[in-house]
Structures are given as structure tokens and as C-alpha cells.
N, C-alpha and C. Protein backbone atom coordinates (compact mmCIF):
# COMPACT_ATOMS: atom_id res chain seq x y z
N MET A 1 154.28 74.05 -11.39
CA MET A 1 153.32 73.05 -10.99
C MET A 1 153.99 71.68 -11.01
N ALA A 2 153.87 70.93 -9.95
CA ALA A 2 154.49 69.61 -9.84
C ALA A 2 153.69 68.59 -10.65
N PRO A 3 154.35 67.52 -11.09
CA PRO A 3 153.62 66.47 -11.80
C PRO A 3 152.54 65.87 -10.90
N ARG A 4 151.59 65.25 -11.52
CA ARG A 4 150.51 64.61 -10.78
C ARG A 4 150.46 63.14 -11.14
N LEU A 5 150.18 62.32 -10.15
CA LEU A 5 150.07 60.89 -10.34
C LEU A 5 148.61 60.54 -10.48
N GLY A 6 148.27 59.78 -11.47
CA GLY A 6 146.90 59.33 -11.63
C GLY A 6 146.82 57.82 -11.51
N GLN A 7 146.10 57.35 -10.56
CA GLN A 7 145.84 55.93 -10.44
C GLN A 7 144.54 55.67 -11.20
N THR A 8 144.63 54.91 -12.26
CA THR A 8 143.44 54.73 -13.08
C THR A 8 142.91 53.31 -12.98
N ARG A 9 141.64 53.22 -12.96
CA ARG A 9 140.88 51.98 -13.05
C ARG A 9 139.70 52.32 -13.94
N PRO A 10 139.16 51.37 -14.63
CA PRO A 10 138.00 51.70 -15.47
C PRO A 10 136.92 52.42 -14.66
N GLY A 11 136.55 53.59 -15.12
CA GLY A 11 135.49 54.35 -14.47
C GLY A 11 135.94 55.11 -13.23
N LYS A 12 137.24 55.10 -12.91
CA LYS A 12 137.71 55.76 -11.70
C LYS A 12 139.05 56.43 -11.97
N LEU A 13 139.19 57.68 -11.57
CA LEU A 13 140.44 58.39 -11.71
C LEU A 13 140.69 59.16 -10.42
N ASP A 14 141.83 58.94 -9.81
CA ASP A 14 142.16 59.54 -8.52
C ASP A 14 143.51 60.24 -8.64
N PHE A 15 143.54 61.58 -8.59
CA PHE A 15 144.78 62.33 -8.74
C PHE A 15 145.32 62.77 -7.39
N MET A 16 146.63 62.76 -7.27
CA MET A 16 147.32 63.21 -6.08
C MET A 16 148.43 64.17 -6.45
N HIS A 17 148.72 65.12 -5.58
CA HIS A 17 149.81 66.07 -5.81
C HIS A 17 151.12 65.42 -5.38
N ILE A 18 152.09 65.34 -6.29
CA ILE A 18 153.38 64.72 -6.02
C ILE A 18 154.48 65.72 -6.33
N SER A 19 155.25 66.14 -5.32
CA SER A 19 156.38 67.02 -5.57
C SER A 19 157.70 66.39 -5.12
N HIS A 20 157.63 65.33 -4.34
CA HIS A 20 158.81 64.61 -3.87
C HIS A 20 158.50 63.12 -3.90
N PHE A 21 159.53 62.32 -4.03
CA PHE A 21 159.33 60.87 -4.08
C PHE A 21 158.58 60.37 -2.85
N ASP A 22 158.85 60.96 -1.70
CA ASP A 22 158.16 60.53 -0.48
C ASP A 22 156.65 60.80 -0.55
N ASP A 23 156.23 61.81 -1.32
CA ASP A 23 154.80 62.03 -1.57
C ASP A 23 154.21 60.85 -2.35
N LEU A 24 154.98 60.36 -3.32
CA LEU A 24 154.54 59.20 -4.10
C LEU A 24 154.39 57.99 -3.20
N LEU A 25 155.35 57.78 -2.31
CA LEU A 25 155.25 56.67 -1.37
C LEU A 25 153.98 56.77 -0.52
N ALA A 26 153.73 57.95 0.01
CA ALA A 26 152.55 58.15 0.86
C ALA A 26 151.27 57.93 0.06
N ALA A 27 151.23 58.43 -1.18
CA ALA A 27 150.04 58.26 -2.01
C ALA A 27 149.81 56.79 -2.34
N ALA A 28 150.87 56.07 -2.65
CA ALA A 28 150.73 54.65 -2.98
C ALA A 28 150.27 53.86 -1.76
N ARG A 29 150.78 54.18 -0.60
CA ARG A 29 150.36 53.49 0.63
C ARG A 29 148.90 53.76 0.97
N ALA A 30 148.38 54.92 0.56
CA ALA A 30 147.01 55.31 0.90
C ALA A 30 145.97 54.72 -0.05
N GLN A 31 146.39 54.08 -1.12
CA GLN A 31 145.43 53.53 -2.09
C GLN A 31 144.67 52.35 -1.49
N PRO A 32 143.42 52.15 -1.91
CA PRO A 32 142.64 51.05 -1.37
C PRO A 32 143.14 49.67 -1.82
N GLU A 33 143.79 49.60 -2.95
CA GLU A 33 144.34 48.33 -3.44
C GLU A 33 145.86 48.34 -3.30
N PRO A 34 146.47 47.17 -3.10
CA PRO A 34 147.93 47.10 -3.00
C PRO A 34 148.60 47.63 -4.27
N GLN A 35 149.69 48.33 -4.10
CA GLN A 35 150.41 48.96 -5.20
C GLN A 35 151.81 48.37 -5.33
N ARG A 36 152.36 48.49 -6.51
CA ARG A 36 153.79 48.28 -6.74
C ARG A 36 154.31 49.55 -7.38
N LEU A 37 155.41 50.06 -6.87
CA LEU A 37 156.07 51.19 -7.50
C LEU A 37 157.01 50.64 -8.55
N LEU A 38 156.94 51.20 -9.73
CA LEU A 38 157.77 50.79 -10.85
C LEU A 38 158.79 51.89 -11.09
N LEU A 39 160.05 51.52 -11.13
CA LEU A 39 161.12 52.51 -11.17
C LEU A 39 162.13 52.18 -12.28
N VAL A 40 162.44 53.18 -13.09
CA VAL A 40 163.47 53.05 -14.11
C VAL A 40 164.51 54.13 -13.85
N PHE A 41 165.73 53.71 -13.58
CA PHE A 41 166.83 54.62 -13.34
C PHE A 41 167.50 54.90 -14.68
N ALA A 42 167.81 56.18 -14.93
CA ALA A 42 168.37 56.56 -16.23
C ALA A 42 169.56 57.49 -16.06
N SER A 43 170.46 57.38 -17.01
CA SER A 43 171.59 58.30 -17.07
C SER A 43 171.27 59.39 -18.09
N ALA A 44 172.00 60.48 -18.01
CA ALA A 44 171.88 61.56 -18.99
C ALA A 44 173.26 61.77 -19.60
N SER A 45 173.29 61.92 -20.91
CA SER A 45 174.57 62.13 -21.59
C SER A 45 174.35 63.06 -22.78
N LEU A 46 175.45 63.44 -23.38
CA LEU A 46 175.42 64.29 -24.57
C LEU A 46 175.93 63.50 -25.77
N PRO A 47 175.36 63.74 -26.94
CA PRO A 47 175.94 63.11 -28.13
C PRO A 47 177.32 63.72 -28.42
N ALA A 48 178.15 62.97 -29.10
CA ALA A 48 179.51 63.43 -29.40
C ALA A 48 179.52 64.73 -30.20
N ASP A 49 178.49 64.94 -31.03
CA ASP A 49 178.45 66.14 -31.87
C ASP A 49 177.62 67.27 -31.26
N ALA A 50 177.51 67.31 -29.93
CA ALA A 50 176.71 68.34 -29.26
C ALA A 50 177.29 69.72 -29.52
N THR A 51 176.40 70.69 -29.65
CA THR A 51 176.82 72.07 -29.84
C THR A 51 177.25 72.67 -28.51
N ALA A 52 177.89 73.83 -28.57
CA ALA A 52 178.30 74.53 -27.35
C ALA A 52 177.08 74.87 -26.50
N GLU A 53 175.99 75.27 -27.15
CA GLU A 53 174.76 75.59 -26.40
C GLU A 53 174.21 74.34 -25.71
N GLN A 54 174.21 73.20 -26.41
CA GLN A 54 173.75 71.96 -25.80
C GLN A 54 174.63 71.57 -24.62
N ARG A 55 175.93 71.73 -24.76
CA ARG A 55 176.85 71.41 -23.67
C ARG A 55 176.59 72.30 -22.45
N ALA A 56 176.37 73.58 -22.69
CA ALA A 56 176.09 74.51 -21.60
C ALA A 56 174.79 74.13 -20.88
N ARG A 57 173.76 73.80 -21.64
CA ARG A 57 172.49 73.39 -21.03
C ARG A 57 172.65 72.08 -20.25
N PHE A 58 173.44 71.14 -20.81
CA PHE A 58 173.69 69.88 -20.13
C PHE A 58 174.43 70.12 -18.82
N ASP A 59 175.46 70.96 -18.85
CA ASP A 59 176.22 71.27 -17.65
C ASP A 59 175.36 71.93 -16.58
N ALA A 60 174.32 72.64 -17.01
CA ALA A 60 173.39 73.28 -16.08
C ALA A 60 172.29 72.32 -15.62
N GLY A 61 172.33 71.07 -16.11
CA GLY A 61 171.33 70.08 -15.72
C GLY A 61 170.01 70.25 -16.44
N GLU A 62 170.02 70.90 -17.61
CA GLU A 62 168.78 71.22 -18.30
C GLU A 62 168.54 70.41 -19.57
N SER A 63 169.47 69.54 -19.95
CA SER A 63 169.25 68.76 -21.17
C SER A 63 170.11 67.51 -21.14
N GLY A 64 170.00 66.72 -22.18
CA GLY A 64 170.77 65.50 -22.32
C GLY A 64 169.91 64.39 -22.86
N GLU A 65 170.57 63.36 -23.34
CA GLU A 65 169.88 62.17 -23.82
C GLU A 65 169.76 61.18 -22.67
N LEU A 66 168.57 60.64 -22.49
CA LEU A 66 168.33 59.71 -21.40
C LEU A 66 168.51 58.27 -21.87
N ALA A 67 169.14 57.47 -21.03
CA ALA A 67 169.31 56.05 -21.33
C ALA A 67 168.99 55.25 -20.08
N PRO A 68 168.06 54.29 -20.18
CA PRO A 68 167.74 53.45 -19.03
C PRO A 68 168.96 52.63 -18.60
N LEU A 69 169.16 52.54 -17.30
CA LEU A 69 170.28 51.79 -16.74
C LEU A 69 169.82 50.52 -16.03
N MET A 70 168.76 50.65 -15.26
CA MET A 70 168.22 49.52 -14.50
C MET A 70 166.79 49.83 -14.13
N CYS A 71 166.04 48.78 -13.84
CA CYS A 71 164.65 48.96 -13.41
C CYS A 71 164.34 47.99 -12.28
N VAL A 72 163.36 48.37 -11.48
CA VAL A 72 162.99 47.57 -10.32
C VAL A 72 161.56 47.92 -9.92
N ASP A 73 160.91 46.98 -9.26
CA ASP A 73 159.61 47.29 -8.64
C ASP A 73 159.79 47.20 -7.13
N LYS A 74 159.01 48.01 -6.44
CA LYS A 74 159.09 48.07 -4.98
C LYS A 74 157.70 48.07 -4.37
N ASP A 75 157.57 47.39 -3.26
CA ASP A 75 156.37 47.48 -2.44
C ASP A 75 156.48 48.78 -1.65
N PRO A 76 155.56 49.72 -1.82
CA PRO A 76 155.70 51.00 -1.11
C PRO A 76 155.69 50.85 0.40
N GLY A 77 155.09 49.80 0.92
CA GLY A 77 155.09 49.57 2.36
C GLY A 77 156.44 49.11 2.88
N ALA A 78 157.27 48.56 2.01
CA ALA A 78 158.58 48.06 2.41
C ALA A 78 159.70 49.07 2.18
N LEU A 79 159.37 50.20 1.57
CA LEU A 79 160.36 51.23 1.29
C LEU A 79 160.09 52.41 2.21
N PRO A 80 160.92 52.62 3.23
CA PRO A 80 160.61 53.65 4.22
C PRO A 80 160.65 55.08 3.68
N ALA A 81 161.59 55.37 2.77
CA ALA A 81 161.73 56.74 2.27
C ALA A 81 162.67 56.72 1.07
N PHE A 82 162.73 57.87 0.38
CA PHE A 82 163.60 58.00 -0.78
C PHE A 82 165.05 57.69 -0.43
N ALA A 83 165.49 58.08 0.75
CA ALA A 83 166.87 57.84 1.17
C ALA A 83 167.23 56.36 1.11
N ALA A 84 166.31 55.49 1.47
CA ALA A 84 166.56 54.05 1.41
C ALA A 84 166.71 53.59 -0.03
N LEU A 85 165.92 54.16 -0.92
CA LEU A 85 166.03 53.82 -2.35
C LEU A 85 167.39 54.25 -2.89
N ILE A 86 167.83 55.44 -2.52
CA ILE A 86 169.14 55.95 -2.94
C ILE A 86 170.26 54.99 -2.48
N ASP A 87 170.20 54.59 -1.23
CA ASP A 87 171.22 53.68 -0.69
C ASP A 87 171.26 52.38 -1.48
N GLU A 88 170.09 51.82 -1.73
CA GLU A 88 170.02 50.55 -2.45
C GLU A 88 170.50 50.71 -3.89
N ALA A 89 170.04 51.74 -4.57
CA ALA A 89 170.43 51.96 -5.96
C ALA A 89 171.93 52.21 -6.09
N SER A 90 172.50 52.91 -5.14
CA SER A 90 173.93 53.19 -5.18
C SER A 90 174.76 51.93 -5.04
N SER A 91 174.26 50.97 -4.26
CA SER A 91 175.02 49.74 -4.05
C SER A 91 174.83 48.73 -5.18
N LEU A 92 173.78 48.89 -5.99
CA LEU A 92 173.47 47.88 -7.00
C LEU A 92 173.82 48.25 -8.42
N GLY A 93 173.86 49.53 -8.72
CA GLY A 93 174.00 49.86 -10.13
C GLY A 93 174.88 51.05 -10.39
N PRO A 94 174.96 51.41 -11.66
CA PRO A 94 175.79 52.55 -12.07
C PRO A 94 175.16 53.87 -11.65
N ASP A 95 175.95 54.92 -11.74
CA ASP A 95 175.50 56.26 -11.39
C ASP A 95 174.34 56.66 -12.31
N TRP A 96 173.32 57.27 -11.76
CA TRP A 96 172.13 57.65 -12.52
C TRP A 96 171.81 59.12 -12.28
N ALA A 97 171.04 59.69 -13.21
CA ALA A 97 170.67 61.11 -13.12
C ALA A 97 169.23 61.29 -12.67
N LEU A 98 168.34 60.46 -13.19
CA LEU A 98 166.91 60.54 -12.88
C LEU A 98 166.37 59.14 -12.63
N VAL A 99 165.32 59.08 -11.83
CA VAL A 99 164.55 57.85 -11.70
C VAL A 99 163.12 58.18 -12.12
N PHE A 100 162.59 57.39 -13.04
CA PHE A 100 161.22 57.55 -13.51
C PHE A 100 160.35 56.58 -12.73
N ALA A 101 159.22 57.08 -12.23
CA ALA A 101 158.36 56.28 -11.38
C ALA A 101 156.93 56.24 -11.89
N ALA A 102 156.30 55.12 -11.63
CA ALA A 102 154.87 54.94 -11.88
C ALA A 102 154.38 53.95 -10.83
N ALA A 103 153.09 53.85 -10.70
CA ALA A 103 152.50 52.89 -9.76
C ALA A 103 151.58 51.96 -10.53
N LEU A 104 151.58 50.71 -10.10
CA LEU A 104 150.71 49.70 -10.70
C LEU A 104 149.83 49.16 -9.58
N SER A 105 148.53 49.22 -9.79
CA SER A 105 147.57 48.82 -8.77
C SER A 105 147.19 47.36 -8.92
N GLY A 106 147.04 46.70 -7.79
CA GLY A 106 146.51 45.35 -7.77
C GLY A 106 144.99 45.40 -7.76
N THR A 107 144.38 44.22 -7.61
CA THR A 107 142.92 44.13 -7.54
C THR A 107 142.53 43.08 -6.50
N GLY A 108 141.35 43.26 -5.96
CA GLY A 108 140.82 42.28 -5.01
C GLY A 108 141.68 42.08 -3.79
N GLY A 109 142.39 43.14 -3.37
CA GLY A 109 143.23 43.04 -2.19
C GLY A 109 144.57 42.38 -2.45
N ARG A 110 144.86 42.05 -3.70
CA ARG A 110 146.14 41.42 -4.05
C ARG A 110 146.99 42.38 -4.87
N PRO A 111 148.30 42.31 -4.68
CA PRO A 111 149.17 43.15 -5.50
C PRO A 111 149.17 42.66 -6.95
N PRO A 112 149.67 43.46 -7.87
CA PRO A 112 149.74 43.03 -9.26
C PRO A 112 150.59 41.77 -9.40
N ALA A 113 150.26 40.94 -10.36
CA ALA A 113 151.02 39.72 -10.62
C ALA A 113 152.41 40.08 -11.16
N ASP A 114 153.37 39.19 -10.93
CA ASP A 114 154.73 39.41 -11.40
C ASP A 114 154.77 39.65 -12.91
N SER A 115 153.94 38.93 -13.65
CA SER A 115 153.93 39.10 -15.11
C SER A 115 153.45 40.50 -15.49
N GLN A 116 152.48 41.05 -14.74
CA GLN A 116 152.02 42.41 -15.00
C GLN A 116 153.12 43.42 -14.68
N VAL A 117 153.80 43.21 -13.58
CA VAL A 117 154.88 44.10 -13.18
C VAL A 117 156.00 44.08 -14.22
N ASP A 118 156.41 42.87 -14.64
CA ASP A 118 157.49 42.75 -15.63
C ASP A 118 157.11 43.44 -16.94
N ALA A 119 155.88 43.23 -17.40
CA ALA A 119 155.44 43.85 -18.65
C ALA A 119 155.40 45.38 -18.53
N ALA A 120 154.93 45.87 -17.39
CA ALA A 120 154.86 47.32 -17.18
C ALA A 120 156.26 47.93 -17.11
N LEU A 121 157.18 47.25 -16.44
CA LEU A 121 158.56 47.75 -16.38
C LEU A 121 159.19 47.79 -17.77
N GLN A 122 158.93 46.76 -18.57
CA GLN A 122 159.48 46.74 -19.93
C GLN A 122 158.93 47.91 -20.76
N ARG A 123 157.63 48.18 -20.60
CA ARG A 123 157.03 49.33 -21.31
C ARG A 123 157.67 50.63 -20.86
N MET A 124 157.95 50.75 -19.56
CA MET A 124 158.58 51.96 -19.05
C MET A 124 159.99 52.13 -19.61
N VAL A 125 160.75 51.06 -19.66
CA VAL A 125 162.11 51.13 -20.21
C VAL A 125 162.04 51.59 -21.67
N GLU A 126 161.12 51.02 -22.43
CA GLU A 126 160.96 51.41 -23.84
C GLU A 126 160.51 52.87 -23.95
N ALA A 127 159.66 53.31 -23.03
CA ALA A 127 159.20 54.69 -23.04
C ALA A 127 160.36 55.66 -22.80
N VAL A 128 161.23 55.32 -21.86
CA VAL A 128 162.39 56.17 -21.60
C VAL A 128 163.31 56.19 -22.82
N LYS A 129 163.52 55.03 -23.43
CA LYS A 129 164.37 54.97 -24.64
C LYS A 129 163.81 55.84 -25.75
N SER A 130 162.49 55.83 -25.91
CA SER A 130 161.87 56.57 -27.02
C SER A 130 161.57 58.03 -26.67
N GLY A 131 161.65 58.38 -25.39
CA GLY A 131 161.35 59.75 -24.97
C GLY A 131 159.87 60.02 -24.76
N ASP A 132 159.05 58.98 -24.80
CA ASP A 132 157.61 59.12 -24.56
C ASP A 132 157.37 58.94 -23.06
N LEU A 133 157.50 60.02 -22.32
CA LEU A 133 157.52 59.95 -20.86
C LEU A 133 156.19 60.27 -20.19
N SER A 134 155.12 60.39 -20.97
CA SER A 134 153.83 60.69 -20.37
C SER A 134 153.44 59.55 -19.43
N GLY A 135 152.89 59.91 -18.29
CA GLY A 135 152.47 58.92 -17.31
C GLY A 135 153.58 58.52 -16.35
N LEU A 136 154.79 59.03 -16.56
CA LEU A 136 155.91 58.74 -15.67
C LEU A 136 156.30 60.01 -14.93
N ILE A 137 156.68 59.87 -13.68
CA ILE A 137 157.14 61.02 -12.92
C ILE A 137 158.65 60.91 -12.76
N PRO A 138 159.39 61.88 -13.29
CA PRO A 138 160.84 61.87 -13.10
C PRO A 138 161.23 62.54 -11.78
N PHE A 139 162.17 61.91 -11.08
CA PHE A 139 162.69 62.46 -9.84
C PHE A 139 164.20 62.59 -9.96
N ASP A 140 164.76 63.67 -9.40
CA ASP A 140 166.20 63.84 -9.40
C ASP A 140 166.81 63.07 -8.22
N ARG A 141 168.11 63.18 -8.05
CA ARG A 141 168.81 62.43 -7.01
C ARG A 141 168.48 62.91 -5.59
N GLN A 142 167.79 64.04 -5.48
CA GLN A 142 167.34 64.51 -4.16
C GLN A 142 165.89 64.10 -3.88
N GLY A 143 165.27 63.40 -4.85
CA GLY A 143 163.90 62.96 -4.68
C GLY A 143 162.87 63.96 -5.11
N GLU A 144 163.31 65.08 -5.68
CA GLU A 144 162.38 66.13 -6.12
C GLU A 144 161.83 65.78 -7.50
N ALA A 145 160.53 65.94 -7.69
CA ALA A 145 159.92 65.76 -9.01
C ALA A 145 160.41 66.88 -9.92
N VAL A 146 160.77 66.52 -11.14
CA VAL A 146 161.27 67.52 -12.08
C VAL A 146 160.42 67.51 -13.34
N GLN A 147 160.39 68.65 -13.99
CA GLN A 147 159.69 68.78 -15.27
C GLN A 147 160.71 68.64 -16.38
N LEU A 148 160.42 67.82 -17.36
CA LEU A 148 161.32 67.64 -18.50
C LEU A 148 160.71 68.28 -19.72
N GLY A 149 161.59 68.69 -20.60
CA GLY A 149 161.10 69.09 -21.89
C GLY A 149 161.07 70.50 -22.21
């Protein structure tokens, strides 16, 4: 079962099926209020004292410690597809394993304020650092939603 995105407002909950990053883009564009996509790019690594089993799982892409590398917000209307995000991320930052995504809704026909976006991105970075990933959708380098844990 693919992760699900929930756009929440007091008294309102709207769920969408998300299996690829482009599904997230389409869902964000379809919302009645302007959205900002919040993205945290993370690397995966192994601790120096990893066991042989941990190394094997890491090599198979099934485990590792996540570390945030960079974060950004995007207007879903200005991002044509996941491929464009990959191109931009590749030119701006270090190699990454996963991108964690969430959406932040505006109100009254206006997108969220910069201060709201900055605070939400900071919370996401801290969530990735602590491993508390609820409410975030992880995508691999092909744009596929992945299940962690």
C-alpha cells in the first residue's frame, strides 16, 4: 500500500493516493488553496560499527541512517515533473538517497507565508534527524514513494 497524503484543515481532512512524486504534484495542484511543497533531501549511511547483516541490508537499499542534506520549498505549479526536481537537486547539492515531501496549504487564495514555510521546513529537517517521519512521504531517486521501517 502506497503512502497517503493528508491535507488537513480544522474540520476537514482530504486524503489522496500517492505512489509517485508526480502524483503528489497533481494532488497539490488540485487543492482549492495554493500549496507549497516542502522537500528535505537526505543521505543514507552506515555507522562505522555496523554489523555484517546491517551492511548487507544497506547494500540492498533496505536500511541506513538518514541525514538531512538540504531543504527547499516549491510551488507545485512551477515544477513540471519529478525529472525537473532531480535536475535542479543534482546541480545544487550533494548526492542524496531519499527526498521527504509534505505539502503546506495557504488560506484565502494566498500561499503560505514565508515564515510558515521556513518553520515547517525546519520541523521537517528535525523530524528526519530524529527519525520521526510520520506525515512525510519519502521518495527514492526514481520518484517512487517508499515505505520505511
